[in-house]
Amino acid sequence: MNKPSFKEGNTQGRGRPKGAKNKKGAFSAKLTSEAIAKLETAVLQGEQWAIIEVLKRTNAPLKAITPEDSIDAEYLRLKMKELHEFEERLKALEASQ
């Protein structure tokens, strides 16, 4: 198979033309700045929805941490052991065939 070589001006439908804008942010700069201004106002007024939206975009959500000596941790250990034993039995069965 011959691989096509790159040539100046080659347009095979790959990539975005130089200077093309992202379509994801297709809102006008004016609309975006107005939305941000209203969001800032809502946050300053203590609107819970606005505060939540800002926090969702600026801080990663916290992940639950299971204490090692808890019932949940013991359950997870037993489940992992069960899965490991299942995999070992399955490998033994496949090897015996």
N, C-alpha and C. Protein backbone atom coordinates (compact mmCIF):
# COMPACT_ATOMS: atom_id res chain seq x y z
N MET A 1 0.82 -1.18 0.00
CA MET A 1 0.00 0.00 0.00
C MET A 1 0.87 1.25 0.00
N ASN A 2 0.50 2.17 -0.83
CA ASN A 2 1.20 3.45 -0.86
C ASN A 2 0.55 4.41 0.11
N LYS A 3 1.36 4.99 0.95
CA LYS A 3 0.85 5.99 1.87
C LYS A 3 0.87 7.34 1.16
N PRO A 4 -0.22 8.10 1.27
CA PRO A 4 -0.21 9.42 0.63
C PRO A 4 0.79 10.33 1.34
N SER A 5 1.57 11.03 0.56
CA SER A 5 2.54 11.94 1.17
C SER A 5 1.92 13.32 1.32
N PHE A 6 2.43 14.06 2.27
CA PHE A 6 1.90 15.40 2.51
C PHE A 6 2.39 16.35 1.43
N LYS A 7 1.47 17.13 0.93
CA LYS A 7 1.82 18.16 -0.05
C LYS A 7 1.19 19.47 0.39
N GLU A 8 1.86 20.54 0.13
CA GLU A 8 1.34 21.87 0.47
C GLU A 8 -0.04 22.04 -0.15
N GLY A 9 -1.00 22.46 0.64
CA GLY A 9 -2.35 22.68 0.13
C GLY A 9 -3.19 21.42 0.04
N ASN A 10 -2.65 20.29 0.53
CA ASN A 10 -3.38 19.03 0.49
C ASN A 10 -4.58 19.11 1.42
N THR A 11 -5.77 18.95 0.89
CA THR A 11 -6.98 18.98 1.72
C THR A 11 -7.72 17.68 1.54
N GLN A 12 -7.53 16.78 2.48
CA GLN A 12 -8.21 15.49 2.42
C GLN A 12 -9.29 15.41 3.50
N GLY A 13 -9.80 16.54 3.91
CA GLY A 13 -10.85 16.53 4.92
C GLY A 13 -10.34 16.27 6.32
N ARG A 14 -9.05 16.40 6.54
CA ARG A 14 -8.47 16.16 7.86
C ARG A 14 -8.06 17.48 8.48
N GLY A 15 -8.42 17.62 9.72
CA GLY A 15 -7.99 18.81 10.43
C GLY A 15 -8.89 20.01 10.16
N ARG A 16 -8.56 21.06 10.82
CA ARG A 16 -9.34 22.28 10.72
C ARG A 16 -8.52 23.31 9.95
N PRO A 17 -9.15 24.08 9.08
CA PRO A 17 -8.41 25.09 8.34
C PRO A 17 -7.78 26.13 9.26
N LYS A 18 -6.70 26.72 8.85
CA LYS A 18 -6.04 27.75 9.65
C LYS A 18 -7.01 28.89 9.91
N GLY A 19 -7.03 29.34 11.17
CA GLY A 19 -7.88 30.46 11.55
C GLY A 19 -9.31 30.10 11.89
N ALA A 20 -9.69 28.83 11.72
CA ALA A 20 -11.06 28.42 12.04
C ALA A 20 -11.25 28.43 13.55
N LYS A 21 -12.43 28.81 14.00
CA LYS A 21 -12.74 28.90 15.42
C LYS A 21 -13.34 27.58 15.91
N ASN A 22 -13.21 27.37 17.23
CA ASN A 22 -13.87 26.22 17.84
C ASN A 22 -15.37 26.40 17.75
N LYS A 23 -16.09 25.36 17.37
CA LYS A 23 -17.54 25.44 17.30
C LYS A 23 -18.15 25.31 18.69
N LYS A 24 -17.40 24.73 19.62
CA LYS A 24 -17.91 24.52 20.97
C LYS A 24 -18.29 25.85 21.62
N GLY A 25 -17.49 26.85 21.45
CA GLY A 25 -17.77 28.15 22.04
C GLY A 25 -18.35 29.09 21.01
N ALA A 26 -19.45 28.69 20.39
CA ALA A 26 -20.01 29.47 19.29
C ALA A 26 -20.81 30.68 19.75
N PHE A 27 -20.82 30.97 21.07
CA PHE A 27 -21.53 32.14 21.56
C PHE A 27 -20.69 33.38 21.32
N SER A 28 -21.35 34.47 21.12
CA SER A 28 -20.63 35.72 20.89
C SER A 28 -19.93 36.15 22.18
N ALA A 29 -18.91 36.96 22.03
CA ALA A 29 -18.16 37.45 23.19
C ALA A 29 -19.07 38.30 24.08
N LYS A 30 -19.97 39.05 23.46
CA LYS A 30 -20.89 39.92 24.22
C LYS A 30 -21.82 39.06 25.07
N LEU A 31 -22.39 38.02 24.47
CA LEU A 31 -23.30 37.14 25.20
C LEU A 31 -22.58 36.44 26.35
N THR A 32 -21.37 35.99 26.08
CA THR A 32 -20.58 35.32 27.12
C THR A 32 -20.26 36.26 28.27
N SER A 33 -19.85 37.48 27.96
CA SER A 33 -19.51 38.43 29.03
C SER A 33 -20.75 38.82 29.84
N GLU A 34 -21.90 38.93 29.18
CA GLU A 34 -23.14 39.23 29.91
C GLU A 34 -23.53 38.08 30.83
N ALA A 35 -23.38 36.86 30.34
CA ALA A 35 -23.72 35.68 31.16
C ALA A 35 -22.81 35.61 32.38
N ILE A 36 -21.53 35.87 32.19
CA ILE A 36 -20.58 35.84 33.30
C ILE A 36 -20.91 36.94 34.30
N ALA A 37 -21.27 38.12 33.82
CA ALA A 37 -21.64 39.23 34.71
C ALA A 37 -22.87 38.87 35.54
N LYS A 38 -23.87 38.23 34.91
CA LYS A 38 -25.07 37.84 35.65
C LYS A 38 -24.77 36.73 36.65
N LEU A 39 -23.88 35.83 36.28
CA LEU A 39 -23.47 34.77 37.20
C LEU A 39 -22.76 35.37 38.41
N GLU A 40 -21.88 36.33 38.17
CA GLU A 40 -21.18 37.00 39.28
C GLU A 40 -22.18 37.70 40.20
N THR A 41 -23.16 38.35 39.61
CA THR A 41 -24.19 39.04 40.41
C THR A 41 -24.96 38.03 41.25
N ALA A 42 -25.33 36.91 40.64
CA ALA A 42 -26.09 35.88 41.37
C ALA A 42 -25.26 35.31 42.52
N VAL A 43 -23.97 35.11 42.30
CA VAL A 43 -23.11 34.61 43.37
C VAL A 43 -23.05 35.62 44.50
N LEU A 44 -22.86 36.89 44.15
CA LEU A 44 -22.77 37.95 45.18
C LEU A 44 -24.08 38.09 45.96
N GLN A 45 -25.21 37.76 45.33
CA GLN A 45 -26.51 37.83 46.00
C GLN A 45 -26.79 36.56 46.81
N GLY A 46 -25.87 35.61 46.76
CA GLY A 46 -26.02 34.38 47.54
C GLY A 46 -26.92 33.35 46.92
N GLU A 47 -27.15 33.43 45.61
CA GLU A 47 -27.98 32.44 44.92
C GLU A 47 -27.27 31.09 44.95
N GLN A 48 -27.92 30.10 45.55
CA GLN A 48 -27.28 28.80 45.74
C GLN A 48 -26.93 28.13 44.41
N TRP A 49 -27.80 28.19 43.42
CA TRP A 49 -27.54 27.55 42.13
C TRP A 49 -26.28 28.12 41.48
N ALA A 50 -26.08 29.42 41.62
CA ALA A 50 -24.92 30.07 41.01
C ALA A 50 -23.64 29.66 41.72
N ILE A 51 -23.71 29.60 43.05
CA ILE A 51 -22.54 29.19 43.82
C ILE A 51 -22.15 27.75 43.47
N ILE A 52 -23.15 26.87 43.35
CA ILE A 52 -22.89 25.47 43.00
C ILE A 52 -22.25 25.37 41.62
N GLU A 53 -22.76 26.13 40.66
CA GLU A 53 -22.19 26.09 39.30
C GLU A 53 -20.74 26.53 39.29
N VAL A 54 -20.43 27.59 40.01
CA VAL A 54 -19.05 28.08 40.06
C VAL A 54 -18.15 27.05 40.72
N LEU A 55 -18.61 26.48 41.84
CA LEU A 55 -17.79 25.49 42.55
C LEU A 55 -17.57 24.22 41.72
N LYS A 56 -18.60 23.81 40.96
CA LYS A 56 -18.46 22.62 40.11
C LYS A 56 -17.36 22.81 39.07
N ARG A 57 -17.17 24.03 38.61
CA ARG A 57 -16.20 24.29 37.55
C ARG A 57 -14.83 24.69 38.06
N THR A 58 -14.73 25.01 39.35
CA THR A 58 -13.44 25.47 39.87
C THR A 58 -12.80 24.51 40.86
N ASN A 59 -13.57 23.57 41.42
CA ASN A 59 -13.04 22.63 42.41
C ASN A 59 -13.50 21.23 42.07
N ALA A 60 -12.57 20.30 42.09
CA ALA A 60 -12.91 18.90 41.83
C ALA A 60 -13.79 18.39 42.97
N PRO A 61 -14.79 17.56 42.64
CA PRO A 61 -15.64 17.02 43.71
C PRO A 61 -14.84 16.10 44.63
N LEU A 62 -15.20 16.10 45.88
CA LEU A 62 -14.51 15.25 46.85
C LEU A 62 -14.92 13.79 46.63
N LYS A 63 -13.98 12.90 46.86
CA LYS A 63 -14.26 11.48 46.74
C LYS A 63 -14.36 10.89 48.14
N ALA A 64 -15.27 9.95 48.28
CA ALA A 64 -15.46 9.32 49.57
C ALA A 64 -14.22 8.49 49.92
N ILE A 65 -13.84 8.54 51.17
CA ILE A 65 -12.71 7.75 51.65
C ILE A 65 -13.26 6.76 52.67
N THR A 66 -13.01 5.49 52.43
CA THR A 66 -13.49 4.45 53.33
C THR A 66 -12.42 4.18 54.38
N PRO A 67 -12.74 4.36 55.66
CA PRO A 67 -11.77 4.05 56.71
C PRO A 67 -11.40 2.56 56.67
N GLU A 68 -10.11 2.26 56.90
CA GLU A 68 -9.64 0.87 56.77
C GLU A 68 -10.28 -0.09 57.74
N ASP A 69 -10.70 0.37 58.90
CA ASP A 69 -11.26 -0.53 59.89
C ASP A 69 -12.80 -0.54 59.89
N SER A 70 -13.40 -0.07 58.81
CA SER A 70 -14.86 -0.01 58.74
C SER A 70 -15.43 -1.28 58.11
N ILE A 71 -16.73 -1.45 58.26
CA ILE A 71 -17.42 -2.60 57.66
C ILE A 71 -17.33 -2.52 56.14
N ASP A 72 -17.45 -1.31 55.60
CA ASP A 72 -17.35 -1.13 54.15
C ASP A 72 -16.00 -1.59 53.62
N ALA A 73 -14.94 -1.25 54.34
CA ALA A 73 -13.60 -1.64 53.90
C ALA A 73 -13.46 -3.16 53.92
N GLU A 74 -14.00 -3.79 54.95
CA GLU A 74 -13.93 -5.26 55.04
C GLU A 74 -14.71 -5.89 53.89
N TYR A 75 -15.88 -5.33 53.59
CA TYR A 75 -16.69 -5.83 52.47
C TYR A 75 -15.92 -5.72 51.15
N LEU A 76 -15.26 -4.59 50.94
CA LEU A 76 -14.50 -4.39 49.70
C LEU A 76 -13.33 -5.38 49.61
N ARG A 77 -12.64 -5.62 50.74
CA ARG A 77 -11.55 -6.60 50.74
C ARG A 77 -12.06 -7.98 50.38
N LEU A 78 -13.19 -8.37 50.97
CA LEU A 78 -13.75 -9.70 50.69
C LEU A 78 -14.21 -9.82 49.23
N LYS A 79 -14.78 -8.77 48.69
CA LYS A 79 -15.21 -8.78 47.29
C LYS A 79 -14.02 -8.92 46.35
N MET A 80 -12.94 -8.19 46.65
CA MET A 80 -11.74 -8.29 45.81
C MET A 80 -11.14 -9.70 45.89
N LYS A 81 -11.14 -10.28 47.11
CA LYS A 81 -10.63 -11.65 47.27
C LYS A 81 -11.49 -12.63 46.47
N GLU A 82 -12.82 -12.45 46.54
CA GLU A 82 -13.74 -13.31 45.81
C GLU A 82 -13.49 -13.22 44.30
N LEU A 83 -13.31 -12.01 43.80
CA LEU A 83 -13.04 -11.84 42.36
C LEU A 83 -11.72 -12.48 41.96
N HIS A 84 -10.70 -12.32 42.79
CA HIS A 84 -9.39 -12.91 42.51
C HIS A 84 -9.50 -14.43 42.47
N GLU A 85 -10.19 -15.01 43.46
CA GLU A 85 -10.36 -16.47 43.48
C GLU A 85 -11.15 -16.95 42.27
N PHE A 86 -12.15 -16.20 41.88
CA PHE A 86 -12.94 -16.55 40.70
C PHE A 86 -12.07 -16.57 39.45
N GLU A 87 -11.23 -15.55 39.30
CA GLU A 87 -10.33 -15.49 38.15
C GLU A 87 -9.38 -16.68 38.14
N GLU A 88 -8.85 -17.04 39.30
CA GLU A 88 -7.93 -18.18 39.39
C GLU A 88 -8.62 -19.48 39.01
N ARG A 89 -9.86 -19.68 39.50
CA ARG A 89 -10.61 -20.90 39.14
C ARG A 89 -10.90 -20.93 37.64
N LEU A 90 -11.23 -19.78 37.08
CA LEU A 90 -11.52 -19.72 35.65
C LEU A 90 -10.28 -20.04 34.83
N LYS A 91 -9.13 -19.50 35.23
CA LYS A 91 -7.87 -19.81 34.54
C LYS A 91 -7.56 -21.29 34.61
N ALA A 92 -7.78 -21.90 35.76
CA ALA A 92 -7.51 -23.34 35.93
C ALA A 92 -8.42 -24.15 35.02
N LEU A 93 -9.68 -23.77 34.93
CA LEU A 93 -10.62 -24.47 34.05
C LEU A 93 -10.21 -24.33 32.58
N GLU A 94 -9.83 -23.14 32.19
CA GLU A 94 -9.42 -22.93 30.80
C GLU A 94 -8.15 -23.69 30.48
N ALA A 95 -7.24 -23.79 31.42
CA ALA A 95 -5.98 -24.51 31.19
C ALA A 95 -6.20 -26.01 31.10
N SER A 96 -7.23 -26.51 31.77
CA SER A 96 -7.48 -27.96 31.77
C SER A 96 -8.18 -28.42 30.49
N GLN A 97 -8.67 -27.52 29.69
CA GLN A 97 -9.38 -27.90 28.46
C GLN A 97 -8.47 -28.03 27.29
